[in-house]
Amino acid sequence: MNPAAEGSTGQEPSVKTRTCDGCGKRSSTPGDTCPSCGGSFPARRRRISPKLASLFVVPLILLVNVVLFEPWKAGIYTAIEVIRAWPELGHRRALRDEVERVIEAQDRYFALHKRSTNNPIELGIDADGIELTIVASWGGGWSALGTHEGLPPTMQCGVFDMMDSSLRPRLPGRIEIRRPREVLCNWDYQARRQMKR
């Protein structure tokens, strides 16, 4: 009887093989280089022991528990406020988008007619619930103010082109738009003021 066969269960010991990055062949040789092509084997990943993993998982579970379930009332109130503010955020975005569209529409209109217009329908802008007031001069300068029917009348967006100070729109709250072709809404200005404090 073969002494090497004694005590064996008939199964071969498991040999770990790796695939070469260069040639794609599998090899069980030790070392970092492939014997076939000389390419490198991918780095072996280290596994975290279960005891070490529990050191991270248990505090993480406790932290999530404290953050999510302890101040549950504040979480509910925050969710209610977000749901209430959601339509207003959509109205703000729609208003800003329409006022931004005025810039490109005036450019196209000026290229064709060599002047600006104060008629939003001639510019191809007709959005539901948004009222645009456009002031145009014959020199090509223009300004636009927009309001949305779903927002309070004091919430407006404006933009202007040309440096003529008479065309610069003023937003409620004595906010003056200073840079041409930059859309400014008064809620942006209020947020900037709060950030500076």
N, C-alpha and C. Protein backbone atom coordinates (compact mmCIF):
# COMPACT_ATOMS: atom_id res chain seq x y z
N MET A 1 0.84 -1.18 0.00
CA MET A 1 0.00 0.00 0.00
C MET A 1 0.87 1.23 0.00
N ASN A 2 0.49 2.22 -0.69
CA ASN A 2 1.24 3.46 -0.83
C ASN A 2 1.08 4.29 0.44
N PRO A 3 2.22 4.68 1.08
CA PRO A 3 2.11 5.44 2.33
C PRO A 3 1.51 6.81 2.10
N ALA A 4 1.66 7.38 0.94
CA ALA A 4 1.09 8.70 0.67
C ALA A 4 -0.42 8.61 0.57
N ALA A 5 -0.91 7.42 0.16
CA ALA A 5 -2.34 7.26 0.01
C ALA A 5 -3.03 6.98 1.33
N GLU A 6 -2.21 6.54 2.34
CA GLU A 6 -2.81 6.26 3.63
C GLU A 6 -3.28 7.56 4.25
N GLY A 7 -4.40 7.57 4.81
CA GLY A 7 -4.93 8.75 5.50
C GLY A 7 -5.57 9.75 4.56
N SER A 8 -5.48 9.51 3.25
CA SER A 8 -6.12 10.45 2.34
C SER A 8 -7.56 10.03 2.16
N THR A 9 -8.41 10.99 1.95
CA THR A 9 -9.83 10.73 1.81
C THR A 9 -10.23 10.58 0.36
N GLY A 10 -9.31 10.63 -0.53
CA GLY A 10 -9.61 10.48 -1.94
C GLY A 10 -9.82 11.83 -2.63
N GLN A 11 -9.76 12.94 -1.88
CA GLN A 11 -9.92 14.26 -2.46
C GLN A 11 -8.57 14.95 -2.54
N GLU A 12 -8.35 15.64 -3.62
CA GLU A 12 -7.12 16.39 -3.79
C GLU A 12 -7.20 17.65 -2.93
N PRO A 13 -6.08 18.09 -2.36
CA PRO A 13 -6.12 19.35 -1.61
C PRO A 13 -6.42 20.50 -2.57
N SER A 14 -7.18 21.48 -2.11
CA SER A 14 -7.58 22.57 -2.99
C SER A 14 -6.39 23.47 -3.28
N VAL A 15 -6.18 23.74 -4.54
CA VAL A 15 -5.10 24.60 -4.99
C VAL A 15 -5.74 25.87 -5.54
N LYS A 16 -5.29 27.02 -5.04
CA LYS A 16 -5.85 28.29 -5.50
C LYS A 16 -5.20 28.68 -6.82
N THR A 17 -6.02 28.95 -7.78
CA THR A 17 -5.52 29.37 -9.08
C THR A 17 -5.90 30.83 -9.30
N ARG A 18 -5.07 31.46 -10.10
CA ARG A 18 -5.33 32.86 -10.45
C ARG A 18 -5.27 32.99 -11.97
N THR A 19 -6.00 33.99 -12.50
CA THR A 19 -6.02 34.24 -13.94
C THR A 19 -5.07 35.39 -14.26
N CYS A 20 -4.25 35.20 -15.28
CA CYS A 20 -3.28 36.22 -15.68
C CYS A 20 -3.99 37.37 -16.38
N ASP A 21 -3.57 38.60 -16.08
CA ASP A 21 -4.12 39.77 -16.74
C ASP A 21 -3.71 39.83 -18.21
N GLY A 22 -2.52 39.33 -18.54
CA GLY A 22 -2.00 39.45 -19.90
C GLY A 22 -2.56 38.42 -20.86
N CYS A 23 -2.43 37.11 -20.53
CA CYS A 23 -2.82 36.08 -21.48
C CYS A 23 -4.15 35.43 -21.13
N GLY A 24 -4.64 35.59 -19.92
CA GLY A 24 -5.92 35.04 -19.52
C GLY A 24 -5.85 33.59 -19.08
N LYS A 25 -4.64 32.99 -18.99
CA LYS A 25 -4.51 31.60 -18.57
C LYS A 25 -4.54 31.52 -17.06
N ARG A 26 -5.03 30.38 -16.56
CA ARG A 26 -5.09 30.16 -15.12
C ARG A 26 -3.83 29.43 -14.69
N SER A 27 -3.30 29.82 -13.53
CA SER A 27 -2.08 29.20 -13.05
C SER A 27 -2.15 29.11 -11.53
N SER A 28 -1.51 28.05 -10.98
CA SER A 28 -1.47 27.88 -9.53
C SER A 28 -0.07 28.11 -8.99
N THR A 29 0.84 28.61 -9.80
CA THR A 29 2.21 28.83 -9.36
C THR A 29 2.27 30.02 -8.42
N PRO A 30 3.13 29.92 -7.40
CA PRO A 30 3.28 31.07 -6.50
C PRO A 30 4.04 32.19 -7.19
N GLY A 31 3.91 33.38 -6.69
CA GLY A 31 4.60 34.53 -7.27
C GLY A 31 3.61 35.47 -7.93
N ASP A 32 4.13 36.59 -8.38
CA ASP A 32 3.27 37.62 -8.96
C ASP A 32 3.31 37.64 -10.48
N THR A 33 4.15 36.80 -11.13
CA THR A 33 4.24 36.83 -12.59
C THR A 33 3.75 35.52 -13.17
N CYS A 34 3.15 35.60 -14.32
CA CYS A 34 2.62 34.44 -15.02
C CYS A 34 3.78 33.68 -15.67
N PRO A 35 3.84 32.34 -15.52
CA PRO A 35 4.94 31.60 -16.15
C PRO A 35 4.79 31.51 -17.66
N SER A 36 3.58 31.71 -18.20
CA SER A 36 3.36 31.59 -19.64
C SER A 36 3.81 32.83 -20.39
N CYS A 37 3.34 34.01 -19.93
CA CYS A 37 3.62 35.21 -20.71
C CYS A 37 4.44 36.26 -19.95
N GLY A 38 4.63 36.07 -18.67
CA GLY A 38 5.39 37.05 -17.88
C GLY A 38 4.53 38.21 -17.40
N GLY A 39 3.22 38.16 -17.65
CA GLY A 39 2.29 39.21 -17.19
C GLY A 39 2.06 39.11 -15.69
N SER A 40 1.36 40.05 -15.15
CA SER A 40 1.15 40.07 -13.70
C SER A 40 -0.23 39.52 -13.35
N PHE A 41 -0.30 38.88 -12.19
CA PHE A 41 -1.57 38.42 -11.65
C PHE A 41 -2.24 39.58 -10.92
N PRO A 42 -3.57 39.61 -10.88
CA PRO A 42 -4.22 40.66 -10.12
C PRO A 42 -3.91 40.50 -8.63
N ALA A 43 -3.90 41.61 -7.94
CA ALA A 43 -3.58 41.57 -6.51
C ALA A 43 -4.67 40.80 -5.78
N ARG A 44 -4.24 40.05 -4.78
CA ARG A 44 -5.20 39.28 -3.98
C ARG A 44 -5.89 40.21 -3.00
N ARG A 45 -7.17 39.96 -2.86
CA ARG A 45 -7.95 40.77 -1.92
C ARG A 45 -7.84 40.18 -0.54
N ARG A 46 -7.69 41.05 0.42
CA ARG A 46 -7.68 40.58 1.80
C ARG A 46 -9.10 40.59 2.32
N ARG A 47 -9.44 39.56 3.02
CA ARG A 47 -10.76 39.48 3.59
C ARG A 47 -10.71 39.92 5.05
N ILE A 48 -11.76 40.61 5.46
CA ILE A 48 -11.84 41.07 6.84
C ILE A 48 -12.43 39.93 7.67
N SER A 49 -11.82 39.69 8.79
CA SER A 49 -12.32 38.62 9.65
C SER A 49 -13.67 39.03 10.23
N PRO A 50 -14.51 38.05 10.55
CA PRO A 50 -15.83 38.36 11.11
C PRO A 50 -15.74 39.15 12.41
N LYS A 51 -14.73 38.88 13.23
CA LYS A 51 -14.59 39.63 14.49
C LYS A 51 -14.30 41.10 14.22
N LEU A 52 -13.42 41.35 13.25
CA LEU A 52 -13.09 42.73 12.90
C LEU A 52 -14.28 43.42 12.25
N ALA A 53 -15.03 42.68 11.44
CA ALA A 53 -16.21 43.27 10.80
C ALA A 53 -17.24 43.66 11.84
N SER A 54 -17.39 42.85 12.89
CA SER A 54 -18.37 43.18 13.93
C SER A 54 -17.99 44.46 14.67
N LEU A 55 -16.70 44.77 14.71
CA LEU A 55 -16.28 46.02 15.35
C LEU A 55 -16.79 47.24 14.58
N PHE A 56 -16.99 47.10 13.27
CA PHE A 56 -17.51 48.20 12.46
C PHE A 56 -19.03 48.17 12.35
N VAL A 57 -19.60 46.97 12.24
CA VAL A 57 -21.02 46.85 11.98
C VAL A 57 -21.86 47.25 13.20
N VAL A 58 -21.47 46.81 14.38
CA VAL A 58 -22.26 47.11 15.58
C VAL A 58 -22.34 48.62 15.83
N PRO A 59 -21.24 49.37 15.82
CA PRO A 59 -21.39 50.83 16.01
C PRO A 59 -22.18 51.49 14.89
N LEU A 60 -22.07 50.96 13.66
CA LEU A 60 -22.83 51.51 12.55
C LEU A 60 -24.32 51.31 12.77
N ILE A 61 -24.71 50.14 13.23
CA ILE A 61 -26.13 49.87 13.53
C ILE A 61 -26.62 50.80 14.63
N LEU A 62 -25.82 51.00 15.65
CA LEU A 62 -26.21 51.90 16.74
C LEU A 62 -26.35 53.34 16.23
N LEU A 63 -25.43 53.76 15.40
CA LEU A 63 -25.49 55.12 14.87
C LEU A 63 -26.74 55.32 14.01
N VAL A 64 -27.03 54.38 13.14
CA VAL A 64 -28.23 54.47 12.31
C VAL A 64 -29.47 54.48 13.17
N ASN A 65 -29.47 53.66 14.21
CA ASN A 65 -30.61 53.62 15.11
C ASN A 65 -30.83 54.96 15.80
N VAL A 66 -29.77 55.58 16.27
CA VAL A 66 -29.89 56.87 16.96
C VAL A 66 -30.31 57.96 15.98
N VAL A 67 -29.70 57.98 14.80
CA VAL A 67 -29.99 59.04 13.83
C VAL A 67 -31.40 58.92 13.26
N LEU A 68 -31.83 57.70 12.93
CA LEU A 68 -33.12 57.54 12.27
C LEU A 68 -34.30 57.45 13.22
N PHE A 69 -34.14 56.75 14.33
CA PHE A 69 -35.31 56.45 15.14
C PHE A 69 -35.44 57.33 16.38
N GLU A 70 -34.38 57.93 16.82
CA GLU A 70 -34.48 58.79 18.00
C GLU A 70 -35.23 60.09 17.70
N PRO A 71 -34.79 60.86 16.71
CA PRO A 71 -35.52 62.12 16.44
C PRO A 71 -36.61 61.92 15.40
N TRP A 72 -37.48 60.93 15.60
CA TRP A 72 -38.49 60.60 14.60
C TRP A 72 -39.45 61.73 14.35
N LYS A 73 -39.74 62.52 15.36
CA LYS A 73 -40.66 63.64 15.15
C LYS A 73 -40.06 64.66 14.20
N ALA A 74 -38.79 64.98 14.38
CA ALA A 74 -38.15 65.95 13.49
C ALA A 74 -38.12 65.43 12.06
N GLY A 75 -37.91 64.13 11.88
CA GLY A 75 -37.90 63.55 10.55
C GLY A 75 -39.26 63.65 9.87
N ILE A 76 -40.31 63.42 10.64
CA ILE A 76 -41.66 63.52 10.07
C ILE A 76 -41.97 64.96 9.70
N TYR A 77 -41.62 65.91 10.58
CA TYR A 77 -41.90 67.31 10.28
C TYR A 77 -41.10 67.78 9.06
N THR A 78 -39.88 67.33 8.92
CA THR A 78 -39.08 67.69 7.76
C THR A 78 -39.70 67.14 6.49
N ALA A 79 -40.16 65.90 6.53
CA ALA A 79 -40.79 65.30 5.35
C ALA A 79 -42.05 66.07 4.96
N ILE A 80 -42.82 66.50 5.95
CA ILE A 80 -44.03 67.27 5.65
C ILE A 80 -43.67 68.59 4.98
N GLU A 81 -42.63 69.27 5.47
CA GLU A 81 -42.22 70.54 4.87
C GLU A 81 -41.71 70.36 3.45
N VAL A 82 -40.99 69.28 3.20
CA VAL A 82 -40.50 69.01 1.84
C VAL A 82 -41.66 68.77 0.89
N ILE A 83 -42.66 68.00 1.35
CA ILE A 83 -43.83 67.73 0.51
C ILE A 83 -44.59 69.02 0.23
N ARG A 84 -44.70 69.89 1.23
CA ARG A 84 -45.39 71.16 1.03
C ARG A 84 -44.64 72.06 0.05
N ALA A 85 -43.30 72.06 0.13
CA ALA A 85 -42.51 72.96 -0.71
C ALA A 85 -42.28 72.41 -2.11
N TRP A 86 -42.58 71.14 -2.36
CA TRP A 86 -42.27 70.53 -3.65
C TRP A 86 -42.89 71.26 -4.84
N PRO A 87 -44.20 71.60 -4.81
CA PRO A 87 -44.76 72.33 -5.97
C PRO A 87 -44.10 73.68 -6.17
N GLU A 88 -43.77 74.36 -5.08
CA GLU A 88 -43.13 75.67 -5.21
C GLU A 88 -41.77 75.55 -5.87
N LEU A 89 -41.03 74.50 -5.55
CA LEU A 89 -39.72 74.31 -6.18
C LEU A 89 -39.88 74.06 -7.68
N GLY A 90 -40.91 73.33 -8.07
CA GLY A 90 -41.16 73.11 -9.49
C GLY A 90 -41.54 74.39 -10.22
N HIS A 91 -42.33 75.24 -9.56
CA HIS A 91 -42.70 76.53 -10.16
C HIS A 91 -41.47 77.42 -10.31
N ARG A 92 -40.60 77.40 -9.31
CA ARG A 92 -39.38 78.22 -9.40
C ARG A 92 -38.52 77.78 -10.58
N ARG A 93 -38.36 76.45 -10.74
CA ARG A 93 -37.52 75.93 -11.82
C ARG A 93 -38.13 76.28 -13.18
N ALA A 94 -39.45 76.16 -13.30
CA ALA A 94 -40.11 76.49 -14.56
C ALA A 94 -39.95 77.96 -14.90
N LEU A 95 -40.08 78.82 -13.89
CA LEU A 95 -39.93 80.26 -14.12
C LEU A 95 -38.52 80.59 -14.56
N ARG A 96 -37.53 80.02 -13.89
CA ARG A 96 -36.13 80.29 -14.26
C ARG A 96 -35.85 79.80 -15.68
N ASP A 97 -36.34 78.62 -16.03
CA ASP A 97 -36.12 78.08 -17.37
C ASP A 97 -36.71 78.98 -18.46
N GLU A 98 -37.92 79.49 -18.23
CA GLU A 98 -38.55 80.34 -19.24
C GLU A 98 -37.80 81.66 -19.40
N VAL A 99 -37.34 82.23 -18.28
CA VAL A 99 -36.58 83.49 -18.39
C VAL A 99 -35.25 83.24 -19.09
N GLU A 100 -34.64 82.07 -18.86
CA GLU A 100 -33.40 81.73 -19.57
C GLU A 100 -33.66 81.55 -21.07
N ARG A 101 -34.83 81.03 -21.43
CA ARG A 101 -35.16 80.86 -22.84
C ARG A 101 -35.26 82.19 -23.57
N VAL A 102 -35.56 83.26 -22.85
CA VAL A 102 -35.68 84.58 -23.48
C VAL A 102 -34.35 84.99 -24.11
N ILE A 103 -33.23 84.64 -23.47
CA ILE A 103 -31.91 85.03 -23.98
C ILE A 103 -31.70 84.47 -25.39
N GLU A 104 -31.88 83.16 -25.55
CA GLU A 104 -31.67 82.54 -26.87
C GLU A 104 -32.72 83.02 -27.88
N ALA A 105 -33.96 83.17 -27.41
CA ALA A 105 -35.02 83.59 -28.33
C ALA A 105 -34.77 85.01 -28.84
N GLN A 106 -34.29 85.91 -27.99
CA GLN A 106 -33.98 87.28 -28.43
C GLN A 106 -32.80 87.26 -29.40
N ASP A 107 -31.82 86.41 -29.14
CA ASP A 107 -30.69 86.31 -30.07
C ASP A 107 -31.15 85.86 -31.45
N ARG A 108 -32.01 84.83 -31.50
CA ARG A 108 -32.52 84.37 -32.80
C ARG A 108 -33.35 85.45 -33.48
N TYR A 109 -34.20 86.13 -32.72
CA TYR A 109 -35.06 87.17 -33.29
C TYR A 109 -34.21 88.34 -33.82
N PHE A 110 -33.17 88.72 -33.06
CA PHE A 110 -32.30 89.82 -33.49
C PHE A 110 -31.54 89.46 -34.76
N ALA A 111 -31.13 88.20 -34.88
CA ALA A 111 -30.40 87.77 -36.08
C ALA A 111 -31.28 87.88 -37.33
N LEU A 112 -32.56 87.64 -37.17
CA LEU A 112 -33.47 87.71 -38.32
C LEU A 112 -33.97 89.13 -38.61
N HIS A 113 -34.27 89.91 -37.58
CA HIS A 113 -34.95 91.19 -37.75
C HIS A 113 -34.08 92.42 -37.43
N LYS A 114 -32.88 92.20 -36.92
CA LYS A 114 -31.95 93.28 -36.57
C LYS A 114 -32.53 94.21 -35.49
N ARG A 115 -33.39 93.68 -34.66
CA ARG A 115 -33.92 94.42 -33.53
C ARG A 115 -34.46 93.42 -32.51
N SER A 116 -34.69 93.88 -31.29
CA SER A 116 -35.28 93.03 -30.26
C SER A 116 -36.79 93.26 -30.26
N THR A 117 -37.49 92.37 -29.58
CA THR A 117 -38.94 92.52 -29.50
C THR A 117 -39.39 92.42 -28.04
N ASN A 118 -40.56 92.97 -27.78
CA ASN A 118 -41.11 92.87 -26.43
C ASN A 118 -42.32 91.94 -26.40
N ASN A 119 -42.53 91.19 -27.47
CA ASN A 119 -43.66 90.28 -27.55
C ASN A 119 -43.18 88.84 -27.35
N PRO A 120 -43.55 88.18 -26.23
CA PRO A 120 -43.10 86.81 -26.00
C PRO A 120 -43.59 85.83 -27.07
N ILE A 121 -44.75 86.10 -27.66
CA ILE A 121 -45.27 85.19 -28.68
C ILE A 121 -44.41 85.25 -29.94
N GLU A 122 -43.91 86.43 -30.31
CA GLU A 122 -42.98 86.52 -31.45
C GLU A 122 -41.68 85.78 -31.17
N LEU A 123 -41.32 85.66 -29.90
CA LEU A 123 -40.12 84.92 -29.52
C LEU A 123 -40.37 83.42 -29.45
N GLY A 124 -41.62 83.04 -29.53
CA GLY A 124 -41.96 81.61 -29.45
C GLY A 124 -42.04 81.11 -28.02
N ILE A 125 -42.25 82.02 -27.07
CA ILE A 125 -42.32 81.64 -25.66
C ILE A 125 -43.76 81.84 -25.21
N ASP A 126 -44.41 80.74 -24.85
CA ASP A 126 -45.79 80.81 -24.37
C ASP A 126 -45.97 79.69 -23.37
N ALA A 127 -45.55 79.92 -22.13
CA ALA A 127 -45.63 78.88 -21.10
C ALA A 127 -46.86 79.11 -20.23
N ASP A 128 -47.51 78.03 -19.89
CA ASP A 128 -48.70 78.12 -19.04
C ASP A 128 -48.31 78.56 -17.63
N GLY A 129 -49.04 79.54 -17.13
CA GLY A 129 -48.84 80.00 -15.77
C GLY A 129 -47.71 80.97 -15.57
N ILE A 130 -46.96 81.28 -16.63
CA ILE A 130 -45.82 82.20 -16.50
C ILE A 130 -46.12 83.46 -17.29
N GLU A 131 -45.95 84.59 -16.63
CA GLU A 131 -46.16 85.87 -17.30
C GLU A 131 -44.82 86.57 -17.46
N LEU A 132 -44.47 86.87 -18.70
CA LEU A 132 -43.21 87.54 -19.00
C LEU A 132 -43.50 88.99 -19.40
N THR A 133 -42.74 89.91 -18.81
CA THR A 133 -42.80 91.31 -19.20
C THR A 133 -41.46 91.64 -19.83
N ILE A 134 -41.46 91.93 -21.13
CA ILE A 134 -40.22 92.20 -21.85
C ILE A 134 -40.23 93.65 -22.30
N VAL A 135 -39.14 94.35 -22.00
CA VAL A 135 -38.95 95.73 -22.46
C VAL A 135 -37.82 95.69 -23.47
N ALA A 136 -38.06 96.21 -24.66
CA ALA A 136 -37.06 96.18 -25.72
C ALA A 136 -36.78 97.59 -26.22
N SER A 137 -35.53 97.83 -26.56
CA SER A 137 -35.16 99.11 -27.18
C SER A 137 -34.77 98.84 -28.62
N TRP A 138 -34.80 99.88 -29.45
CA TRP A 138 -34.48 99.69 -30.86
C TRP A 138 -33.00 99.41 -31.09
N GLY A 139 -32.17 99.69 -30.11
CA GLY A 139 -30.75 99.42 -30.28
C GLY A 139 -30.38 97.97 -30.08
N GLY A 140 -31.33 97.15 -29.75
CA GLY A 140 -31.03 95.73 -29.56
C GLY A 140 -31.02 95.32 -28.11
N GLY A 141 -31.03 96.27 -27.19
CA GLY A 141 -31.07 95.91 -25.78
C GLY A 141 -32.47 95.52 -25.35
N TRP A 142 -32.57 94.73 -24.31
CA TRP A 142 -33.85 94.29 -23.81
C TRP A 142 -33.71 93.86 -22.37
N SER A 143 -34.82 93.78 -21.68
CA SER A 143 -34.86 93.21 -20.34
C SER A 143 -36.14 92.43 -20.19
N ALA A 144 -36.15 91.46 -19.29
CA ALA A 144 -37.32 90.62 -19.09
C ALA A 144 -37.49 90.33 -17.61
N LEU A 145 -38.72 90.37 -17.16
CA LEU A 145 -39.10 89.97 -15.81
C LEU A 145 -40.18 88.90 -15.93
N GLY A 146 -40.10 87.90 -15.10
CA GLY A 146 -41.09 86.83 -15.16
C GLY A 146 -41.67 86.53 -13.80
N THR A 147 -42.96 86.19 -13.78
CA THR A 147 -43.64 85.74 -12.57
C THR A 147 -44.40 84.46 -12.90
N HIS A 148 -44.69 83.68 -11.88
CA HIS A 148 -45.43 82.43 -12.05
C HIS A 148 -46.70 82.51 -11.22
N GLU A 149 -47.80 82.03 -11.76
CA GLU A 149 -49.07 82.13 -11.06
C GLU A 149 -49.11 81.27 -9.80
N GLY A 150 -48.25 80.26 -9.71
CA GLY A 150 -48.19 79.40 -8.53
C GLY A 150 -47.30 79.93 -7.43
N LEU A 151 -46.64 81.07 -7.67
CA LEU A 151 -45.74 81.69 -6.69
C LEU A 151 -46.31 83.02 -6.26
N PRO A 152 -45.89 83.52 -5.10
CA PRO A 152 -46.31 84.87 -4.72
C PRO A 152 -45.79 85.89 -5.74
N PRO A 153 -46.51 87.02 -5.92
CA PRO A 153 -46.07 88.00 -6.93
C PRO A 153 -44.72 88.63 -6.63
N THR A 154 -44.26 88.53 -5.40
CA THR A 154 -42.95 89.10 -5.06
C THR A 154 -41.80 88.19 -5.49
N MET A 155 -42.09 86.95 -5.88
CA MET A 155 -41.04 86.04 -6.32
C MET A 155 -40.93 86.15 -7.84
N GLN A 156 -39.84 86.75 -8.31
CA GLN A 156 -39.66 87.02 -9.73
C GLN A 156 -38.25 86.66 -10.16
N CYS A 157 -38.11 86.46 -11.47
CA CYS A 157 -36.80 86.27 -12.09
C CYS A 157 -36.64 87.33 -13.18
N GLY A 158 -35.42 87.77 -13.39
CA GLY A 158 -35.18 88.78 -14.40
C GLY A 158 -33.84 88.58 -15.09
N VAL A 159 -33.73 89.20 -16.27
CA VAL A 159 -32.50 89.15 -17.06
C VAL A 159 -32.51 90.36 -17.98
N PHE A 160 -31.33 90.82 -18.40
CA PHE A 160 -31.26 91.91 -19.37
C PHE A 160 -30.05 91.73 -20.25
N ASP A 161 -30.05 92.46 -21.37
CA ASP A 161 -28.91 92.46 -22.29
C ASP A 161 -28.62 93.90 -22.65
N MET A 162 -27.39 94.25 -22.84
CA MET A 162 -26.85 95.58 -23.11
C MET A 162 -26.62 96.29 -21.77
N MET A 163 -25.77 97.25 -21.80
CA MET A 163 -25.38 97.93 -20.57
C MET A 163 -26.23 99.16 -20.28
N ASP A 164 -27.28 99.39 -21.04
CA ASP A 164 -28.15 100.53 -20.82
C ASP A 164 -28.80 100.38 -19.44
N SER A 165 -28.50 101.30 -18.52
CA SER A 165 -28.98 101.16 -17.15
C SER A 165 -30.49 101.34 -17.05
N SER A 166 -31.10 101.97 -18.05
CA SER A 166 -32.55 102.12 -17.99
C SER A 166 -33.28 100.81 -18.26
N LEU A 167 -32.59 99.84 -18.86
CA LEU A 167 -33.22 98.55 -19.15
C LEU A 167 -33.00 97.53 -18.04
N ARG A 168 -32.18 97.83 -17.06
CA ARG A 168 -31.92 96.86 -16.00
C ARG A 168 -33.19 96.67 -15.16
N PRO A 169 -33.69 95.46 -15.08
CA PRO A 169 -34.88 95.25 -14.27
C PRO A 169 -34.54 95.22 -12.79
N ARG A 170 -35.51 95.61 -11.99
CA ARG A 170 -35.36 95.53 -10.54
C ARG A 170 -36.35 94.49 -10.02
N LEU A 171 -35.83 93.62 -9.19
CA LEU A 171 -36.67 92.61 -8.58
C LEU A 171 -37.23 93.16 -7.27
N PRO A 172 -38.34 92.61 -6.78
CA PRO A 172 -38.86 93.07 -5.50
C PRO A 172 -37.81 92.94 -4.40
N GLY A 173 -37.82 93.87 -3.48
CA GLY A 173 -36.80 93.90 -2.43
C GLY A 173 -35.62 94.76 -2.82
N ARG A 174 -35.80 95.63 -3.81
CA ARG A 174 -34.76 96.56 -4.30
C ARG A 174 -33.51 95.82 -4.76
N ILE A 175 -33.71 94.70 -5.43
CA ILE A 175 -32.60 93.90 -5.95
C ILE A 175 -32.40 94.28 -7.41
N GLU A 176 -31.19 94.75 -7.72
CA GLU A 176 -30.88 95.15 -9.09
C GLU A 176 -29.98 94.11 -9.73
N ILE A 177 -30.32 93.72 -10.94
CA ILE A 177 -29.50 92.76 -11.68
C ILE A 177 -28.35 93.55 -12.31
N ARG A 178 -27.13 93.14 -12.05
CA ARG A 178 -25.97 93.94 -12.48
C ARG A 178 -25.26 93.38 -13.69
N ARG A 179 -25.29 92.07 -13.87
CA ARG A 179 -24.56 91.47 -14.99
C ARG A 179 -25.50 91.16 -16.13
N PRO A 180 -25.15 91.57 -17.35
CA PRO A 180 -26.02 91.24 -18.49
C PRO A 180 -26.04 89.74 -18.78
N ARG A 181 -27.19 89.28 -19.26
CA ARG A 181 -27.41 87.90 -19.69
C ARG A 181 -27.26 86.90 -18.55
N GLU A 182 -27.39 87.35 -17.31
CA GLU A 182 -27.38 86.45 -16.17
C GLU A 182 -28.77 86.47 -15.54
N VAL A 183 -29.40 85.31 -15.47
CA VAL A 183 -30.73 85.22 -14.87
C VAL A 183 -30.57 85.26 -13.36
N LEU A 184 -31.31 86.17 -12.74
CA LEU A 184 -31.28 86.29 -11.29
C LEU A 184 -32.71 86.27 -10.78
N CYS A 185 -32.93 85.46 -9.78
CA CYS A 185 -34.24 85.39 -9.14
C CYS A 185 -34.06 85.90 -7.71
N ASN A 186 -35.09 86.54 -7.17
CA ASN A 186 -34.90 87.14 -5.86
C ASN A 186 -34.71 86.10 -4.77
N TRP A 187 -35.15 84.86 -4.95
CA TRP A 187 -34.87 83.86 -3.92
C TRP A 187 -33.40 83.46 -3.95
N ASP A 188 -32.73 83.56 -5.11
CA ASP A 188 -31.28 83.33 -5.16
C ASP A 188 -30.55 84.39 -4.36
N TYR A 189 -30.96 85.63 -4.54
CA TYR A 189 -30.31 86.74 -3.85
C TYR A 189 -30.49 86.60 -2.35
N GLN A 190 -31.68 86.21 -1.91
CA GLN A 190 -31.92 86.04 -0.48
C GLN A 190 -31.08 84.91 0.07
N ALA A 191 -30.91 83.83 -0.68
CA ALA A 191 -30.08 82.71 -0.23
C ALA A 191 -28.62 83.14 -0.14
N ARG A 192 -28.14 83.95 -1.10
CA ARG A 192 -26.76 84.43 -1.05
C ARG A 192 -26.52 85.31 0.16
N ARG A 193 -27.50 86.16 0.48
CA ARG A 193 -27.36 87.04 1.65
C ARG A 193 -27.30 86.22 2.93
N GLN A 194 -28.10 85.16 3.03
CA GLN A 194 -28.08 84.34 4.22
C GLN A 194 -26.78 83.58 4.35
N MET A 195 -26.19 83.17 3.21
CA MET A 195 -24.91 82.45 3.26
C MET A 195 -23.78 83.36 3.72
N LYS A 196 -23.85 84.66 3.41
CA LYS A 196 -22.78 85.59 3.79
C LYS A 196 -22.80 85.88 5.28
N ARG A 197 -23.96 85.69 5.93
CA ARG A 197 -24.07 86.00 7.35
C ARG A 197 -23.34 85.03 8.21
